[in-house]
Amino acid sequence: MTNKNIDIPLYNERKDAGFTLLELLVVLAIMGMLAAIIAPQVIKYLGSSRSQTAKVQVQNISAALELFKLDVGRYPGPDEGLKSLVTAPQGIPSWNGPYLKDAAALNDPWQTPYGYRLPGRKGEFDVFSLGSDHSEGGTGEAKDVTN
């Protein structure tokens, strides 16, 4: 009797090897759990970044108002508003602007125009954003930002 070697393919040597349905489901479950943990943190960070952006923009507008005052001798009146930082108001020959590069800088991160008050409640003028809720007060992303 002779021994014949019989070629029996081992499990690891299959030519049609791939991922099983169970392996794919496990990977999808892990990715779903990670998304559930990470997504709220990302949304929280996104909201705080808008508030931080509004703070920086309010500071930039305040600095531009100071430059306007140096050139003109006064802050823009309520009728002239913040747009006078981008385009020259009528009848002011000493205007040396634009003091801001783009009129889009006059909108807060929620696409609402910044408020301007002269005289201000907290100083000579107020530049403010009412936050995401567009009304006074609020907390978190809805909190007002002012100079």
N, C-alpha and C. Protein backbone atom coordinates (compact mmCIF):
# COMPACT_ATOMS: atom_id res chain seq x y z
N MET A 1 0.82 -1.15 0.00
CA MET A 1 0.00 0.00 0.00
C MET A 1 0.88 1.24 0.00
N THR A 2 0.55 2.15 -0.85
CA THR A 2 1.33 3.37 -0.94
C THR A 2 0.55 4.50 -0.31
N ASN A 3 1.31 5.37 0.28
CA ASN A 3 0.70 6.59 0.84
C ASN A 3 0.63 7.65 -0.23
N LYS A 4 -0.50 8.10 -0.45
CA LYS A 4 -0.66 9.21 -1.39
C LYS A 4 -0.90 10.46 -0.57
N ASN A 5 -0.18 11.53 -0.92
CA ASN A 5 -0.41 12.81 -0.27
C ASN A 5 -1.68 13.42 -0.85
N ILE A 6 -2.57 13.69 -0.01
CA ILE A 6 -3.81 14.28 -0.45
C ILE A 6 -3.73 15.77 -0.14
N ASP A 7 -3.96 16.60 -1.15
CA ASP A 7 -3.93 18.05 -0.96
C ASP A 7 -5.28 18.51 -0.42
N ILE A 8 -5.29 18.79 0.85
CA ILE A 8 -6.48 19.36 1.46
C ILE A 8 -6.15 20.81 1.78
N PRO A 9 -6.86 21.76 1.17
CA PRO A 9 -6.54 23.16 1.44
C PRO A 9 -6.87 23.51 2.89
N LEU A 10 -5.92 24.16 3.52
CA LEU A 10 -6.14 24.62 4.87
C LEU A 10 -7.01 25.87 4.84
N TYR A 11 -7.58 26.22 5.98
CA TYR A 11 -8.47 27.39 6.08
C TYR A 11 -7.75 28.67 5.68
N ASN A 12 -6.48 28.80 6.08
CA ASN A 12 -5.72 30.02 5.81
C ASN A 12 -5.26 30.11 4.37
N GLU A 13 -5.35 29.05 3.65
CA GLU A 13 -4.83 29.05 2.28
C GLU A 13 -5.93 29.17 1.23
N ARG A 14 -7.13 29.50 1.64
CA ARG A 14 -8.21 29.62 0.67
C ARG A 14 -7.93 30.78 -0.28
N LYS A 15 -8.25 30.60 -1.52
CA LYS A 15 -8.01 31.63 -2.51
C LYS A 15 -9.09 32.70 -2.48
N ASP A 16 -10.24 32.42 -1.92
CA ASP A 16 -11.33 33.38 -1.88
C ASP A 16 -11.44 34.02 -0.49
N ALA A 17 -10.30 34.15 0.16
CA ALA A 17 -10.29 34.72 1.51
C ALA A 17 -10.74 36.17 1.48
N GLY A 18 -11.45 36.62 2.52
CA GLY A 18 -11.96 37.98 2.64
C GLY A 18 -12.50 38.17 4.03
N PHE A 19 -13.25 39.21 4.22
CA PHE A 19 -13.84 39.48 5.52
C PHE A 19 -15.18 38.78 5.61
N THR A 20 -15.45 38.24 6.75
CA THR A 20 -16.76 37.63 6.95
C THR A 20 -17.74 38.71 7.37
N LEU A 21 -19.00 38.38 7.30
CA LEU A 21 -20.05 39.31 7.70
C LEU A 21 -19.92 39.66 9.18
N LEU A 22 -19.56 38.70 9.98
CA LEU A 22 -19.39 38.94 11.41
C LEU A 22 -18.26 39.93 11.68
N GLU A 23 -17.15 39.78 10.97
CA GLU A 23 -16.03 40.72 11.15
C GLU A 23 -16.43 42.13 10.74
N LEU A 24 -17.16 42.26 9.66
CA LEU A 24 -17.61 43.58 9.22
C LEU A 24 -18.57 44.20 10.23
N LEU A 25 -19.46 43.41 10.79
CA LEU A 25 -20.40 43.93 11.79
C LEU A 25 -19.68 44.39 13.05
N VAL A 26 -18.65 43.67 13.46
CA VAL A 26 -17.88 44.07 14.64
C VAL A 26 -17.18 45.40 14.39
N VAL A 27 -16.59 45.56 13.22
CA VAL A 27 -15.91 46.81 12.89
C VAL A 27 -16.91 47.97 12.84
N LEU A 28 -18.07 47.75 12.23
CA LEU A 28 -19.09 48.79 12.18
C LEU A 28 -19.59 49.16 13.58
N ALA A 29 -19.73 48.19 14.45
CA ALA A 29 -20.17 48.46 15.82
C ALA A 29 -19.14 49.31 16.56
N ILE A 30 -17.87 49.00 16.38
CA ILE A 30 -16.80 49.77 17.03
C ILE A 30 -16.80 51.20 16.48
N MET A 31 -16.94 51.35 15.18
CA MET A 31 -16.97 52.70 14.60
C MET A 31 -18.18 53.48 15.09
N GLY A 32 -19.31 52.82 15.23
CA GLY A 32 -20.50 53.49 15.75
C GLY A 32 -20.32 53.95 17.18
N MET A 33 -19.67 53.13 18.01
CA MET A 33 -19.42 53.52 19.40
C MET A 33 -18.47 54.71 19.46
N LEU A 34 -17.44 54.70 18.63
CA LEU A 34 -16.51 55.84 18.60
C LEU A 34 -17.21 57.11 18.15
N ALA A 35 -18.06 57.01 17.16
CA ALA A 35 -18.79 58.19 16.68
C ALA A 35 -19.71 58.73 17.78
N ALA A 36 -20.34 57.84 18.53
CA ALA A 36 -21.24 58.27 19.60
C ALA A 36 -20.49 58.99 20.72
N ILE A 37 -19.25 58.62 20.93
CA ILE A 37 -18.44 59.25 21.98
C ILE A 37 -17.83 60.55 21.49
N ILE A 38 -17.36 60.57 20.26
CA ILE A 38 -16.60 61.72 19.74
C ILE A 38 -17.51 62.83 19.21
N ALA A 39 -18.63 62.51 18.59
CA ALA A 39 -19.48 63.52 17.95
C ALA A 39 -19.92 64.63 18.90
N PRO A 40 -20.39 64.34 20.12
CA PRO A 40 -20.78 65.45 21.00
C PRO A 40 -19.61 66.38 21.34
N GLN A 41 -18.42 65.83 21.47
CA GLN A 41 -17.25 66.65 21.76
C GLN A 41 -16.92 67.56 20.60
N VAL A 42 -17.04 67.06 19.38
CA VAL A 42 -16.75 67.86 18.20
C VAL A 42 -17.77 68.99 18.07
N ILE A 43 -19.04 68.69 18.32
CA ILE A 43 -20.09 69.71 18.23
C ILE A 43 -19.88 70.78 19.29
N LYS A 44 -19.50 70.36 20.49
CA LYS A 44 -19.22 71.32 21.57
C LYS A 44 -18.04 72.22 21.19
N TYR A 45 -17.01 71.64 20.61
CA TYR A 45 -15.84 72.42 20.19
C TYR A 45 -16.21 73.40 19.09
N LEU A 46 -17.05 72.97 18.14
CA LEU A 46 -17.46 73.84 17.06
C LEU A 46 -18.22 75.06 17.58
N GLY A 47 -19.09 74.84 18.56
CA GLY A 47 -19.84 75.95 19.14
C GLY A 47 -18.94 76.93 19.86
N SER A 48 -17.98 76.43 20.62
CA SER A 48 -17.09 77.34 21.34
C SER A 48 -16.16 78.07 20.38
N SER A 49 -15.83 77.45 19.25
CA SER A 49 -14.95 78.12 18.30
C SER A 49 -15.67 79.31 17.65
N ARG A 50 -16.98 79.22 17.46
CA ARG A 50 -17.73 80.36 16.92
C ARG A 50 -17.72 81.52 17.92
N SER A 51 -17.89 81.20 19.19
CA SER A 51 -17.86 82.25 20.21
C SER A 51 -16.48 82.89 20.27
N GLN A 52 -15.43 82.10 20.17
CA GLN A 52 -14.07 82.64 20.17
C GLN A 52 -13.84 83.51 18.94
N THR A 53 -14.34 83.09 17.80
CA THR A 53 -14.22 83.89 16.58
C THR A 53 -14.91 85.23 16.75
N ALA A 54 -16.10 85.22 17.36
CA ALA A 54 -16.83 86.48 17.58
C ALA A 54 -16.04 87.41 18.49
N LYS A 55 -15.38 86.88 19.52
CA LYS A 55 -14.58 87.71 20.43
C LYS A 55 -13.44 88.39 19.66
N VAL A 56 -12.77 87.62 18.83
CA VAL A 56 -11.65 88.18 18.05
C VAL A 56 -12.16 89.24 17.08
N GLN A 57 -13.28 88.98 16.42
CA GLN A 57 -13.82 89.94 15.47
C GLN A 57 -14.28 91.22 16.16
N VAL A 58 -14.86 91.11 17.34
CA VAL A 58 -15.26 92.30 18.10
C VAL A 58 -14.03 93.13 18.45
N GLN A 59 -12.94 92.49 18.82
CA GLN A 59 -11.69 93.22 19.11
C GLN A 59 -11.16 93.91 17.86
N ASN A 60 -11.23 93.24 16.71
CA ASN A 60 -10.76 93.86 15.46
C ASN A 60 -11.61 95.07 15.08
N ILE A 61 -12.91 94.95 15.23
CA ILE A 61 -13.80 96.08 14.91
C ILE A 61 -13.54 97.23 15.87
N SER A 62 -13.31 96.92 17.14
CA SER A 62 -13.01 97.97 18.13
C SER A 62 -11.72 98.71 17.77
N ALA A 63 -10.72 97.95 17.34
CA ALA A 63 -9.45 98.58 16.92
C ALA A 63 -9.67 99.45 15.68
N ALA A 64 -10.50 98.99 14.75
CA ALA A 64 -10.79 99.78 13.56
C ALA A 64 -11.54 101.07 13.92
N LEU A 65 -12.42 100.99 14.91
CA LEU A 65 -13.12 102.19 15.37
C LEU A 65 -12.15 103.20 15.98
N GLU A 66 -11.15 102.72 16.69
CA GLU A 66 -10.14 103.61 17.27
C GLU A 66 -9.35 104.30 16.15
N LEU A 67 -9.00 103.55 15.09
CA LEU A 67 -8.30 104.17 13.95
C LEU A 67 -9.18 105.21 13.26
N PHE A 68 -10.46 104.91 13.12
CA PHE A 68 -11.41 105.87 12.55
C PHE A 68 -11.40 107.15 13.38
N LYS A 69 -11.42 107.01 14.70
CA LYS A 69 -11.44 108.20 15.57
C LYS A 69 -10.14 109.00 15.43
N LEU A 70 -9.01 108.32 15.29
CA LEU A 70 -7.74 109.04 15.10
C LEU A 70 -7.76 109.89 13.83
N ASP A 71 -8.33 109.35 12.77
CA ASP A 71 -8.36 110.08 11.50
C ASP A 71 -9.44 111.16 11.46
N VAL A 72 -10.61 110.85 11.95
CA VAL A 72 -11.77 111.73 11.78
C VAL A 72 -11.98 112.63 12.99
N GLY A 73 -11.53 112.18 14.16
CA GLY A 73 -11.69 112.97 15.37
C GLY A 73 -12.90 112.57 16.20
N ARG A 74 -13.63 111.57 15.74
CA ARG A 74 -14.82 111.09 16.47
C ARG A 74 -15.11 109.67 16.00
N TYR A 75 -15.95 108.97 16.75
CA TYR A 75 -16.41 107.65 16.33
C TYR A 75 -17.55 107.82 15.33
N PRO A 76 -17.82 106.82 14.52
CA PRO A 76 -18.95 106.94 13.60
C PRO A 76 -20.25 107.10 14.37
N GLY A 77 -21.11 107.93 13.87
CA GLY A 77 -22.41 108.12 14.50
C GLY A 77 -23.30 106.91 14.30
N PRO A 78 -24.36 106.82 15.08
CA PRO A 78 -25.28 105.69 14.92
C PRO A 78 -25.88 105.59 13.52
N ASP A 79 -26.07 106.72 12.86
CA ASP A 79 -26.61 106.69 11.50
C ASP A 79 -25.56 106.19 10.50
N GLU A 80 -24.27 106.45 10.76
CA GLU A 80 -23.21 105.97 9.87
C GLU A 80 -22.93 104.49 10.13
N GLY A 81 -22.93 104.11 11.39
CA GLY A 81 -22.75 102.71 11.77
C GLY A 81 -21.38 102.14 11.43
N LEU A 82 -21.28 100.83 11.56
CA LEU A 82 -20.02 100.14 11.32
C LEU A 82 -19.64 100.09 9.84
N LYS A 83 -20.61 100.28 8.96
CA LYS A 83 -20.29 100.26 7.53
C LYS A 83 -19.32 101.38 7.15
N SER A 84 -19.23 102.42 7.99
CA SER A 84 -18.29 103.51 7.71
C SER A 84 -16.85 103.08 7.91
N LEU A 85 -16.63 101.89 8.45
CA LEU A 85 -15.27 101.35 8.56
C LEU A 85 -14.79 100.74 7.25
N VAL A 86 -15.74 100.47 6.35
CA VAL A 86 -15.41 99.84 5.06
C VAL A 86 -15.55 100.82 3.90
N THR A 87 -16.61 101.63 3.94
CA THR A 87 -16.83 102.62 2.87
C THR A 87 -16.88 104.02 3.48
N ALA A 88 -16.38 104.98 2.76
CA ALA A 88 -16.29 106.36 3.26
C ALA A 88 -17.68 106.98 3.36
N PRO A 89 -18.00 107.54 4.54
CA PRO A 89 -19.26 108.27 4.66
C PRO A 89 -19.16 109.60 3.89
N GLN A 90 -20.30 110.13 3.49
CA GLN A 90 -20.33 111.40 2.77
C GLN A 90 -19.89 112.54 3.68
N GLY A 91 -19.12 113.45 3.14
CA GLY A 91 -18.75 114.68 3.85
C GLY A 91 -17.66 114.52 4.89
N ILE A 92 -16.86 113.47 4.82
CA ILE A 92 -15.74 113.32 5.78
C ILE A 92 -14.45 113.19 4.96
N PRO A 93 -13.80 114.33 4.66
CA PRO A 93 -12.59 114.28 3.83
C PRO A 93 -11.39 113.65 4.54
N SER A 94 -11.38 113.62 5.85
CA SER A 94 -10.23 113.06 6.58
C SER A 94 -10.32 111.55 6.75
N TRP A 95 -11.37 110.93 6.21
CA TRP A 95 -11.51 109.46 6.27
C TRP A 95 -10.36 108.84 5.52
N ASN A 96 -9.62 107.94 6.16
CA ASN A 96 -8.42 107.37 5.56
C ASN A 96 -8.52 105.84 5.51
N GLY A 97 -9.69 105.34 5.24
CA GLY A 97 -9.93 103.89 5.28
C GLY A 97 -9.72 103.24 3.94
N PRO A 98 -10.15 102.05 3.78
CA PRO A 98 -11.00 101.29 4.69
C PRO A 98 -10.22 100.77 5.91
N TYR A 99 -10.91 100.73 7.01
CA TYR A 99 -10.30 100.30 8.27
C TYR A 99 -10.46 98.80 8.47
N LEU A 100 -11.39 98.21 7.74
CA LEU A 100 -11.54 96.76 7.67
C LEU A 100 -11.48 96.36 6.21
N LYS A 101 -10.87 95.22 5.90
CA LYS A 101 -10.68 94.81 4.51
C LYS A 101 -11.98 94.48 3.79
N ASP A 102 -12.92 93.89 4.52
CA ASP A 102 -14.09 93.35 3.85
C ASP A 102 -15.34 93.62 4.67
N ALA A 103 -16.44 93.90 4.02
CA ALA A 103 -17.71 94.14 4.71
C ALA A 103 -18.21 92.88 5.40
N ALA A 104 -17.74 91.70 4.98
CA ALA A 104 -18.13 90.45 5.63
C ALA A 104 -17.65 90.40 7.08
N ALA A 105 -16.63 91.18 7.40
CA ALA A 105 -16.12 91.22 8.78
C ALA A 105 -17.10 91.90 9.72
N LEU A 106 -18.13 92.53 9.17
CA LEU A 106 -19.14 93.19 10.00
C LEU A 106 -20.28 92.25 10.39
N ASN A 107 -20.20 90.98 9.98
CA ASN A 107 -21.17 89.96 10.36
C ASN A 107 -20.53 88.98 11.33
N ASP A 108 -21.29 88.56 12.33
CA ASP A 108 -20.77 87.61 13.30
C ASP A 108 -20.77 86.19 12.70
N PRO A 109 -20.23 85.21 13.41
CA PRO A 109 -20.17 83.84 12.87
C PRO A 109 -21.54 83.23 12.59
N TRP A 110 -22.61 83.82 13.11
CA TRP A 110 -23.96 83.33 12.87
C TRP A 110 -24.63 84.13 11.76
N GLN A 111 -23.84 84.88 10.99
CA GLN A 111 -24.28 85.66 9.83
C GLN A 111 -25.28 86.75 10.18
N THR A 112 -25.13 87.34 11.36
CA THR A 112 -25.94 88.47 11.80
C THR A 112 -25.01 89.67 11.92
N PRO A 113 -25.42 90.86 11.48
CA PRO A 113 -24.55 92.03 11.62
C PRO A 113 -24.25 92.32 13.10
N TYR A 114 -23.01 92.72 13.36
CA TYR A 114 -22.64 93.13 14.72
C TYR A 114 -23.42 94.38 15.09
N GLY A 115 -23.78 94.47 16.36
CA GLY A 115 -24.45 95.66 16.85
C GLY A 115 -23.43 96.74 17.20
N TYR A 116 -23.85 97.99 17.11
CA TYR A 116 -22.99 99.13 17.43
C TYR A 116 -23.82 100.14 18.17
N ARG A 117 -23.30 100.59 19.31
CA ARG A 117 -24.03 101.55 20.14
C ARG A 117 -23.07 102.68 20.52
N LEU A 118 -23.52 103.90 20.31
CA LEU A 118 -22.74 105.09 20.67
C LEU A 118 -23.69 106.09 21.30
N PRO A 119 -23.51 106.49 22.51
CA PRO A 119 -22.49 106.05 23.46
C PRO A 119 -22.80 104.64 23.95
N GLY A 120 -21.76 103.97 24.40
CA GLY A 120 -21.92 102.60 24.85
C GLY A 120 -22.36 102.51 26.30
N ARG A 121 -22.80 101.34 26.68
CA ARG A 121 -23.19 101.09 28.07
C ARG A 121 -21.98 100.82 28.96
N LYS A 122 -20.92 100.27 28.35
CA LYS A 122 -19.74 99.88 29.13
C LYS A 122 -18.51 100.73 28.81
N GLY A 123 -18.60 101.59 27.85
CA GLY A 123 -17.47 102.42 27.45
C GLY A 123 -17.94 103.49 26.49
N GLU A 124 -16.99 104.04 25.73
CA GLU A 124 -17.36 105.08 24.78
C GLU A 124 -18.29 104.55 23.68
N PHE A 125 -18.10 103.29 23.30
CA PHE A 125 -18.95 102.64 22.30
C PHE A 125 -19.05 101.16 22.66
N ASP A 126 -20.06 100.52 22.13
CA ASP A 126 -20.23 99.08 22.29
C ASP A 126 -20.30 98.44 20.91
N VAL A 127 -19.55 97.37 20.74
CA VAL A 127 -19.67 96.50 19.58
C VAL A 127 -20.05 95.14 20.16
N PHE A 128 -21.10 94.53 19.62
CA PHE A 128 -21.59 93.31 20.26
C PHE A 128 -22.25 92.37 19.25
N SER A 129 -22.28 91.11 19.65
CA SER A 129 -23.03 90.07 18.95
C SER A 129 -23.96 89.45 19.97
N LEU A 130 -25.16 89.13 19.56
CA LEU A 130 -26.14 88.54 20.48
C LEU A 130 -26.05 87.01 20.53
N GLY A 131 -25.06 86.44 19.87
CA GLY A 131 -24.86 84.99 19.93
C GLY A 131 -25.79 84.24 18.99
N SER A 132 -25.83 82.95 19.18
CA SER A 132 -26.58 82.09 18.26
C SER A 132 -28.09 82.26 18.38
N ASP A 133 -28.59 82.73 19.53
CA ASP A 133 -30.03 82.88 19.70
C ASP A 133 -30.55 84.24 19.23
N HIS A 134 -29.66 85.15 18.87
CA HIS A 134 -30.00 86.48 18.35
C HIS A 134 -30.85 87.29 19.33
N SER A 135 -30.73 87.02 20.63
CA SER A 135 -31.43 87.81 21.64
C SER A 135 -30.50 88.01 22.83
N GLU A 136 -30.77 89.04 23.62
CA GLU A 136 -29.88 89.36 24.73
C GLU A 136 -29.87 88.26 25.77
N GLY A 137 -28.70 88.12 26.40
CA GLY A 137 -28.53 87.09 27.42
C GLY A 137 -28.14 85.77 26.79
N GLY A 138 -28.29 84.72 27.55
CA GLY A 138 -27.98 83.38 27.04
C GLY A 138 -26.73 82.82 27.65
N THR A 139 -26.53 81.55 27.43
CA THR A 139 -25.34 80.85 27.92
C THR A 139 -24.75 80.03 26.79
N GLY A 140 -23.51 79.62 26.97
CA GLY A 140 -22.85 78.81 25.96
C GLY A 140 -22.71 79.56 24.66
N GLU A 141 -23.12 78.91 23.58
CA GLU A 141 -23.01 79.52 22.25
C GLU A 141 -23.99 80.68 22.07
N ALA A 142 -25.04 80.72 22.87
CA ALA A 142 -26.03 81.79 22.79
C ALA A 142 -25.64 83.01 23.62
N LYS A 143 -24.51 82.94 24.31
CA LYS A 143 -24.07 84.05 25.16
C LYS A 143 -23.66 85.25 24.31
N ASP A 144 -24.00 86.45 24.78
CA ASP A 144 -23.63 87.67 24.08
C ASP A 144 -22.12 87.89 24.15
N VAL A 145 -21.57 88.46 23.08
CA VAL A 145 -20.14 88.81 23.02
C VAL A 145 -20.07 90.31 22.83
N THR A 146 -19.30 90.99 23.66
CA THR A 146 -19.18 92.43 23.55
C THR A 146 -17.74 92.87 23.87
N ASN A 147 -17.44 94.12 23.50
CA ASN A 147 -16.09 94.64 23.77
C ASN A 147 -15.96 95.09 25.21
